Amino acid sequence: MPRSPLSILVVEDHPTIARQVVDFLDGLNWHADHAATGALAIDLATREPYDVVLLDLNLPDVDGLAVCRAIKQRAPRNVPVLMLTARDAFEDKARGFHEGADDYLTKPFDLRELALRCEALARRGQLHVSQQMQLGPLTLLQREKRALYNSTPLALTQIGFQLLLKLCTAYPQAVSRSALMHEVWGANPPDSDALKSHIYALRKQLERAGAEQMIVTIPQLGYRVVLPDV
């Protein structure tokens, strides 16, 4: 059975290891971002709704345990963290789990096992995601792939619902254009005009239901959901 595409943040300062992991994940048609420093990892993980964060403990600027703690405290949702490290002592693993790590993989590792662990963590995370999401007057019924605004059904296309769900899951953070395009089209997205067209249609449906300017453009980044009176 083919794997469902996942969005992964690879936090690794060793360029060869980072390239191997990113290339492998790209080969699975997954979306992989790379951060070589702890500061960049925290910034990305608190802006993008990743399915899993692969976190090396030995980073040049911030200790990996502190990065894990910051991600768990500040990310828009409880993203699973898989620690990658050469530290294999029980005490090291215990500290990692105490700081919020969800799994631990010791270097060197098999990339196939890495992918399996990512899938398991992503599935585990989805078990805790409610099938109904409520953001102010907006209701998303995930199982039925329907949305309502003040109980008024929105006539959304499948792509429109995917985009709205991605934006609402990240709320109040913005979602980059590349992340939105990967959510809908995977590793083979069309040109950016296609995304603009779908965002335009989604906005029109929200406006017809009384939601003015609910999806705002963040220049040079992407889009963000804004709720009334917030």
C-alpha atoms as a PDB file:
ATOM      1  CA  MET A   1       0.000   0.000   0.000  1.00  0.00           C
ATOM      2  CA  PRO A   2       1.468   3.426  -0.925  1.00  0.00           C
ATOM      3  CA  ARG A   3       2.327   5.732   1.949  1.00  0.00           C
ATOM      4  CA  SER A   4       0.213   8.823   2.539  1.00  0.00           C
ATOM      5  CA  PRO A   5       2.341  11.965   2.102  1.00  0.00           C
ATOM      6  CA  LEU A   6       3.589  13.424   5.370  1.00  0.00           C
ATOM      7  CA  SER A   7       5.078  16.820   6.158  1.00  0.00           C
ATOM      8  CA  ILE A   8       8.365  16.409   8.050  1.00  0.00           C
ATOM      9  CA  LEU A   9      10.793  18.879   9.623  1.00  0.00           C
ATOM     10  CA  VAL A  10      14.347  17.500   9.614  1.00  0.00           C
ATOM     11  CA  VAL A  11      16.498  19.191  12.284  1.00  0.00           C
ATOM     12  CA  GLU A  12      20.084  18.100  11.622  1.00  0.00           C
ATOM     13  CA  ASP A  13      23.290  20.123  11.440  1.00  0.00           C
ATOM     14  CA  HIS A  14      25.394  17.439   9.716  1.00  0.00           C
ATOM     15  CA  PRO A  15      24.972  18.268   6.001  1.00  0.00           C
ATOM     16  CA  THR A  16      25.541  14.720   4.696  1.00  0.00           C
ATOM     17  CA  ILE A  17      23.054  13.112   7.086  1.00  0.00           C
ATOM     18  CA  ALA A  18      20.521  15.880   6.479  1.00  0.00           C
ATOM     19  CA  ARG A  19      20.795  15.456   2.710  1.00  0.00           C
ATOM     20  CA  GLN A  20      20.391  11.685   2.933  1.00  0.00           C
ATOM     21  CA  VAL A  21      17.280  11.960   5.099  1.00  0.00           C
ATOM     22  CA  VAL A  22      15.663  14.739   3.046  1.00  0.00           C
ATOM     23  CA  ASP A  23      16.375  12.942  -0.244  1.00  0.00           C
ATOM     24  CA  PHE A  24      14.919   9.714   1.130  1.00  0.00           C
ATOM     25  CA  LEU A  25      11.744  11.435   2.334  1.00  0.00           C
ATOM     26  CA  ASP A  26      11.411  13.297  -0.971  1.00  0.00           C
ATOM     27  CA  GLY A  27      11.629   9.912  -2.680  1.00  0.00           C
ATOM     28  CA  LEU A  28       8.535   8.849  -0.731  1.00  0.00           C
ATOM     29  CA  ASN A  29       6.742  11.950  -2.093  1.00  0.00           C
ATOM     30  CA  TRP A  30       6.722  13.411   1.406  1.00  0.00           C
ATOM     31  CA  HIS A  31       7.303  17.111   2.087  1.00  0.00           C
ATOM     32  CA  ALA A  32      10.571  17.646   3.997  1.00  0.00           C
ATOM     33  CA  ASP A  33      11.907  20.959   5.321  1.00  0.00           C
ATOM     34  CA  HIS A  34      15.401  21.192   6.785  1.00  0.00           C
ATOM     35  CA  ALA A  35      16.744  23.223   9.695  1.00  0.00           C
ATOM     36  CA  ALA A  36      20.459  23.126  10.571  1.00  0.00           C
ATOM     37  CA  THR A  37      20.061  25.129  13.804  1.00  0.00           C
ATOM     38  CA  GLY A  38      17.825  24.949  16.825  1.00  0.00           C
ATOM     39  CA  ALA A  39      16.643  28.534  16.397  1.00  0.00           C
ATOM     40  CA  LEU A  40      15.445  27.870  12.844  1.00  0.00           C
ATOM     41  CA  ALA A  41      13.821  24.610  13.947  1.00  0.00           C
ATOM     42  CA  ILE A  42      11.790  26.384  16.629  1.00  0.00           C
ATOM     43  CA  ASP A  43      10.788  29.118  14.184  1.00  0.00           C
ATOM     44  CA  LEU A  44       9.615  26.647  11.529  1.00  0.00           C
ATOM     45  CA  ALA A  45       7.879  24.270  13.941  1.00  0.00           C
ATOM     46  CA  THR A  46       5.860  27.108  15.462  1.00  0.00           C
ATOM     47  CA  ARG A  47       4.756  28.390  12.040  1.00  0.00           C
ATOM     48  CA  GLU A  48       4.117  25.211  10.035  1.00  0.00           C
ATOM     49  CA  PRO A  49       1.786  22.316  11.018  1.00  0.00           C
ATOM     50  CA  TYR A  50       4.239  19.425  10.529  1.00  0.00           C
ATOM     51  CA  ASP A  51       3.195  15.797  10.989  1.00  0.00           C
ATOM     52  CA  VAL A  52       6.523  14.856  12.624  1.00  0.00           C
ATOM     53  CA  VAL A  53       9.716  16.651  13.697  1.00  0.00           C
ATOM     54  CA  LEU A  54      12.973  14.673  13.357  1.00  0.00           C
ATOM     55  CA  LEU A  55      15.270  16.273  15.923  1.00  0.00           C
ATOM     56  CA  ASP A  56      19.030  15.792  16.301  1.00  0.00           C
ATOM     57  CA  LEU A  57      20.172  16.423  19.875  1.00  0.00           C
ATOM     58  CA  ASN A  58      23.603  17.823  18.997  1.00  0.00           C
ATOM     59  CA  LEU A  59      22.944  21.218  17.421  1.00  0.00           C
ATOM     60  CA  PRO A  60      25.435  24.093  17.111  1.00  0.00           C
ATOM     61  CA  ASP A  61      23.396  26.805  18.829  1.00  0.00           C
ATOM     62  CA  VAL A  62      20.716  25.330  21.102  1.00  0.00           C
ATOM     63  CA  ASP A  63      20.678  21.979  22.892  1.00  0.00           C
ATOM     64  CA  GLY A  64      18.239  19.567  21.257  1.00  0.00           C
ATOM     65  CA  LEU A  65      16.393  18.991  24.532  1.00  0.00           C
ATOM     66  CA  ALA A  66      15.699  22.719  24.813  1.00  0.00           C
ATOM     67  CA  VAL A  67      14.502  22.741  21.183  1.00  0.00           C
ATOM     68  CA  CYS A  68      12.120  19.863  21.909  1.00  0.00           C
ATOM     69  CA  ARG A  69      10.764  21.649  24.971  1.00  0.00           C
ATOM     70  CA  ALA A  70      10.212  24.883  23.016  1.00  0.00           C
ATOM     71  CA  ILE A  71       8.450  23.090  20.157  1.00  0.00           C
ATOM     72  CA  LYS A  72       6.129  21.266  22.538  1.00  0.00           C
ATOM     73  CA  GLN A  73       5.267  24.504  24.323  1.00  0.00           C
ATOM     74  CA  ARG A  74       4.859  26.792  21.301  1.00  0.00           C
ATOM     75  CA  ALA A  75       3.829  24.736  18.257  1.00  0.00           C
ATOM     76  CA  PRO A  76       0.253  25.335  17.015  1.00  0.00           C
ATOM     77  CA  ARG A  77      -0.562  21.689  17.746  1.00  0.00           C
ATOM     78  CA  ASN A  78       1.084  18.772  19.558  1.00  0.00           C
ATOM     79  CA  VAL A  79       3.474  17.701  16.826  1.00  0.00           C
ATOM     80  CA  PRO A  80       5.263  14.368  17.486  1.00  0.00           C
ATOM     81  CA  VAL A  81       9.036  14.668  17.981  1.00  0.00           C
ATOM     82  CA  LEU A  82      11.343  11.801  16.991  1.00  0.00           C
ATOM     83  CA  MET A  83      14.832  12.325  18.416  1.00  0.00           C
ATOM     84  CA  LEU A  84      17.815  11.259  16.300  1.00  0.00           C
ATOM     85  CA  THR A  85      21.070  10.971  18.213  1.00  0.00           C
ATOM     86  CA  ALA A  86      24.211   8.981  18.872  1.00  0.00           C
ATOM     87  CA  ARG A  87      23.502   9.214  22.618  1.00  0.00           C
ATOM     88  CA  ASP A  88      22.264   5.731  23.421  1.00  0.00           C
ATOM     89  CA  ALA A  89      22.553   5.627  27.224  1.00  0.00           C
ATOM     90  CA  PHE A  90      19.349   5.090  29.191  1.00  0.00           C
ATOM     91  CA  GLU A  91      19.826   8.404  31.008  1.00  0.00           C
ATOM     92  CA  ASP A  92      19.990  10.284  27.685  1.00  0.00           C
ATOM     93  CA  LYS A  93      16.816   8.643  26.459  1.00  0.00           C
ATOM     94  CA  ALA A  94      15.065   9.333  29.755  1.00  0.00           C
ATOM     95  CA  ARG A  95      15.937  13.036  29.554  1.00  0.00           C
ATOM     96  CA  GLY A  96      14.610  13.149  26.000  1.00  0.00           C
ATOM     97  CA  PHE A  97      11.283  11.592  26.940  1.00  0.00           C
ATOM     98  CA  HIS A  98      10.985  13.857  29.977  1.00  0.00           C
ATOM     99  CA  GLU A  99      11.373  16.894  27.710  1.00  0.00           C
ATOM    100  CA  GLY A 100       8.504  15.728  25.506  1.00  0.00           C
ATOM    101  CA  ALA A 101      10.079  13.442  22.888  1.00  0.00           C
ATOM    102  CA  ASP A 102       7.627  10.895  21.477  1.00  0.00           C
ATOM    103  CA  ASP A 103      10.203   8.431  20.134  1.00  0.00           C
ATOM    104  CA  TYR A 104      13.960   7.883  19.990  1.00  0.00           C
ATOM    105  CA  LEU A 105      16.141   6.508  17.179  1.00  0.00           C
ATOM    106  CA  THR A 106      19.861   5.954  17.692  1.00  0.00           C
ATOM    107  CA  LYS A 107      22.392   6.742  14.959  1.00  0.00           C
ATOM    108  CA  PRO A 108      23.259   5.085  12.663  1.00  0.00           C
ATOM    109  CA  PHE A 109      19.740   4.085  11.632  1.00  0.00           C
ATOM    110  CA  ASP A 110      17.969   2.446   8.710  1.00  0.00           C
ATOM    111  CA  LEU A 111      16.055   5.039   6.687  1.00  0.00           C
ATOM    112  CA  ARG A 112      13.257   2.519   6.136  1.00  0.00           C
ATOM    113  CA  GLU A 113      12.806   2.218   9.892  1.00  0.00           C
ATOM    114  CA  LEU A 114      12.815   6.001  10.137  1.00  0.00           C
ATOM    115  CA  ALA A 115       9.899   6.186   7.687  1.00  0.00           C
ATOM    116  CA  LEU A 116       7.951   3.510   9.562  1.00  0.00           C
ATOM    117  CA  ARG A 117       8.407   5.360  12.846  1.00  0.00           C
ATOM    118  CA  CYS A 118       7.265   8.623  11.236  1.00  0.00           C
ATOM    119  CA  GLU A 119       4.111   6.948   9.975  1.00  0.00           C
ATOM    120  CA  ALA A 120       3.393   5.424  13.374  1.00  0.00           C
ATOM    121  CA  LEU A 121       3.855   8.777  15.133  1.00  0.00           C
ATOM    122  CA  ALA A 122       1.660  10.586  12.594  1.00  0.00           C
ATOM    123  CA  ARG A 123      -1.108   7.989  12.985  1.00  0.00           C
ATOM    124  CA  ARG A 124      -0.882   8.248  16.761  1.00  0.00           C
ATOM    125  CA  GLY A 125      -1.229  12.019  16.505  1.00  0.00           C
ATOM    126  CA  GLN A 126      -4.291  11.727  14.302  1.00  0.00           C
ATOM    127  CA  LEU A 127      -6.046   9.552  16.899  1.00  0.00           C
ATOM    128  CA  HIS A 128      -6.230  12.635  19.108  1.00  0.00           C
ATOM    129  CA  VAL A 129      -7.601  14.930  16.409  1.00  0.00           C
ATOM    130  CA  SER A 130     -11.330  15.480  16.722  1.00  0.00           C
ATOM    131  CA  GLN A 131     -13.434  14.752  13.651  1.00  0.00           C
ATOM    132  CA  GLN A 132     -15.167  18.102  14.238  1.00  0.00           C
ATOM    133  CA  MET A 133     -13.201  21.336  14.424  1.00  0.00           C
ATOM    134  CA  GLN A 134     -14.766  24.524  15.760  1.00  0.00           C
ATOM    135  CA  LEU A 135     -13.199  27.932  15.173  1.00  0.00           C
ATOM    136  CA  GLY A 136     -15.617  30.620  16.276  1.00  0.00           C
ATOM    137  CA  PRO A 137     -18.602  30.524  13.899  1.00  0.00           C
ATOM    138  CA  LEU A 138     -16.792  28.109  11.547  1.00  0.00           C
ATOM    139  CA  THR A 139     -17.397  24.345  11.860  1.00  0.00           C
ATOM    140  CA  LEU A 140     -15.417  21.746   9.924  1.00  0.00           C
ATOM    141  CA  LEU A 141     -16.783  18.200   9.769  1.00  0.00           C
ATOM    142  CA  GLN A 142     -13.655  16.296   8.805  1.00  0.00           C
ATOM    143  CA  ARG A 143     -15.172  12.864   8.265  1.00  0.00           C
ATOM    144  CA  GLU A 144     -17.856  14.288   5.972  1.00  0.00           C
ATOM    145  CA  LYS A 145     -15.505  16.864   4.405  1.00  0.00           C
ATOM    146  CA  ARG A 146     -18.066  19.637   4.933  1.00  0.00           C
ATOM    147  CA  ALA A 147     -17.844  23.104   6.461  1.00  0.00           C
ATOM    148  CA  LEU A 148     -20.454  25.426   7.942  1.00  0.00           C
ATOM    149  CA  TYR A 149     -20.349  29.091   8.880  1.00  0.00           C
ATOM    150  CA  ASN A 150     -22.950  30.098  11.482  1.00  0.00           C
ATOM    151  CA  SER A 151     -24.679  26.789  10.614  1.00  0.00           C
ATOM    152  CA  THR A 152     -24.809  27.761   6.921  1.00  0.00           C
ATOM    153  CA  PRO A 153     -23.250  25.030   4.719  1.00  0.00           C
ATOM    154  CA  LEU A 154     -20.411  26.197   2.466  1.00  0.00           C
ATOM    155  CA  ALA A 155     -20.422  24.912  -1.104  1.00  0.00           C
ATOM    156  CA  LEU A 156     -16.771  23.878  -1.124  1.00  0.00           C
ATOM    157  CA  THR A 157     -14.885  21.766  -3.605  1.00  0.00           C
ATOM    158  CA  GLN A 158     -12.714  18.956  -2.270  1.00  0.00           C
ATOM    159  CA  ILE A 159      -9.641  21.145  -2.737  1.00  0.00           C
ATOM    160  CA  GLY A 160     -11.373  24.080  -1.072  1.00  0.00           C
ATOM    161  CA  PHE A 161     -12.119  21.946   1.981  1.00  0.00           C
ATOM    162  CA  GLN A 162      -8.508  20.680   2.103  1.00  0.00           C
ATOM    163  CA  LEU A 163      -7.171  24.232   2.028  1.00  0.00           C
ATOM    164  CA  LEU A 164      -9.600  25.448   4.682  1.00  0.00           C
ATOM    165  CA  LEU A 165      -8.796  22.507   6.959  1.00  0.00           C
ATOM    166  CA  LYS A 166      -5.054  23.096   6.595  1.00  0.00           C
ATOM    167  CA  LEU A 167      -5.457  26.798   7.427  1.00  0.00           C
ATOM    168  CA  CYS A 168      -7.739  26.127  10.385  1.00  0.00           C
ATOM    169  CA  THR A 169      -5.465  23.419  11.793  1.00  0.00           C
ATOM    170  CA  ALA A 170      -2.586  25.928  11.834  1.00  0.00           C
ATOM    171  CA  TYR A 171      -4.698  28.766  13.342  1.00  0.00           C
ATOM    172  CA  PRO A 172      -3.622  31.324  14.512  1.00  0.00           C
ATOM    173  CA  GLN A 173      -0.384  30.742  12.595  1.00  0.00           C
ATOM    174  CA  ALA A 174       0.029  31.353   8.865  1.00  0.00           C
ATOM    175  CA  VAL A 175       0.606  28.535   6.367  1.00  0.00           C
ATOM    176  CA  SER A 176       3.120  28.954   3.565  1.00  0.00           C
ATOM    177  CA  ARG A 177       2.097  28.649  -0.070  1.00  0.00           C
ATOM    178  CA  SER A 178       4.404  25.670  -0.527  1.00  0.00           C
ATOM    179  CA  ALA A 179       2.819  23.811   2.409  1.00  0.00           C
ATOM    180  CA  LEU A 180      -0.690  24.460   1.065  1.00  0.00           C
ATOM    181  CA  MET A 181       0.258  23.297  -2.415  1.00  0.00           C
ATOM    182  CA  HIS A 182       1.867  20.145  -1.033  1.00  0.00           C
ATOM    183  CA  GLU A 183      -1.244  19.429   1.034  1.00  0.00           C
ATOM    184  CA  VAL A 184      -3.401  19.374  -2.094  1.00  0.00           C
ATOM    185  CA  TRP A 185      -1.124  18.256  -4.912  1.00  0.00           C
ATOM    186  CA  GLY A 186       1.680  16.398  -3.142  1.00  0.00           C
ATOM    187  CA  ALA A 187       5.099  16.396  -4.761  1.00  0.00           C
ATOM    188  CA  ASN A 188       3.824  17.519  -8.181  1.00  0.00           C
ATOM    189  CA  PRO A 189       2.039  20.851  -7.637  1.00  0.00           C
ATOM    190  CA  PRO A 190       0.861  23.001 -10.559  1.00  0.00           C
ATOM    191  CA  ASP A 191       1.905  26.633 -10.911  1.00  0.00           C
ATOM    192  CA  SER A 192       1.040  29.093  -8.143  1.00  0.00           C
ATOM    193  CA  ASP A 193      -1.911  30.534 -10.091  1.00  0.00           C
ATOM    194  CA  ALA A 194      -3.858  27.339  -9.354  1.00  0.00           C
ATOM    195  CA  LEU A 195      -3.517  27.915  -5.612  1.00  0.00           C
ATOM    196  CA  LYS A 196      -4.554  31.559  -5.997  1.00  0.00           C
ATOM    197  CA  SER A 197      -7.665  30.494  -7.918  1.00  0.00           C
ATOM    198  CA  HIS A 198      -8.720  28.012  -5.242  1.00  0.00           C
ATOM    199  CA  ILE A 199      -8.087  30.509  -2.438  1.00  0.00           C
ATOM    200  CA  TYR A 200     -10.176  33.071  -4.341  1.00  0.00           C
ATOM    201  CA  ALA A 201     -13.064  30.586  -4.699  1.00  0.00           C
ATOM    202  CA  LEU A 202     -12.799  29.659  -1.023  1.00  0.00           C
ATOM    203  CA  ARG A 203     -12.950  33.313   0.000  1.00  0.00           C
ATOM    204  CA  LYS A 204     -16.033  33.854  -2.152  1.00  0.00           C
ATOM    205  CA  GLN A 205     -17.847  30.966  -0.457  1.00  0.00           C
ATOM    206  CA  LEU A 206     -17.001  32.352   2.974  1.00  0.00           C
ATOM    207  CA  GLU A 207     -18.137  35.839   1.962  1.00  0.00           C
ATOM    208  CA  ARG A 208     -21.488  34.498   0.729  1.00  0.00           C
ATOM    209  CA  ALA A 209     -22.023  32.976   4.176  1.00  0.00           C
ATOM    210  CA  GLY A 210     -21.154  36.276   5.878  1.00  0.00           C
ATOM    211  CA  ALA A 211     -17.460  35.704   6.649  1.00  0.00           C
ATOM    212  CA  GLU A 212     -15.681  38.794   5.324  1.00  0.00           C
ATOM    213  CA  GLN A 213     -11.877  38.713   5.063  1.00  0.00           C
ATOM    214  CA  MET A 214     -11.563  35.467   7.001  1.00  0.00           C
ATOM    215  CA  ILE A 215      -8.561  34.339   4.936  1.00  0.00           C
ATOM    216  CA  VAL A 216      -5.896  37.015   4.772  1.00  0.00           C
ATOM    217  CA  THR A 217      -2.742  37.084   2.662  1.00  0.00           C
ATOM    218  CA  ILE A 218       0.586  37.258   4.494  1.00  0.00           C
ATOM    219  CA  PRO A 219       3.008  38.904   2.018  1.00  0.00           C
ATOM    220  CA  GLN A 220       5.908  36.704   0.911  1.00  0.00           C
ATOM    221  CA  LEU A 221       4.647  33.814   3.050  1.00  0.00           C
ATOM    222  CA  GLY A 222       1.138  32.503   2.481  1.00  0.00           C
ATOM    223  CA  TYR A 223      -2.271  32.775   4.127  1.00  0.00           C
ATOM    224  CA  ARG A 224      -3.822  32.870   7.597  1.00  0.00           C
ATOM    225  CA  VAL A 225      -7.298  32.486   9.068  1.00  0.00           C
ATOM    226  CA  VAL A 226      -8.606  35.469  11.037  1.00  0.00           C
ATOM    227  CA  LEU A 227     -11.682  35.074  13.219  1.00  0.00           C
ATOM    228  CA  PRO A 228     -14.235  37.848  13.810  1.00  0.00           C
ATOM    229  CA  ASP A 229     -13.434  40.060  16.807  1.00  0.00           C
ATOM    230  CA  VAL A 230     -10.113  38.278  17.427  1.00  0.00           C
END
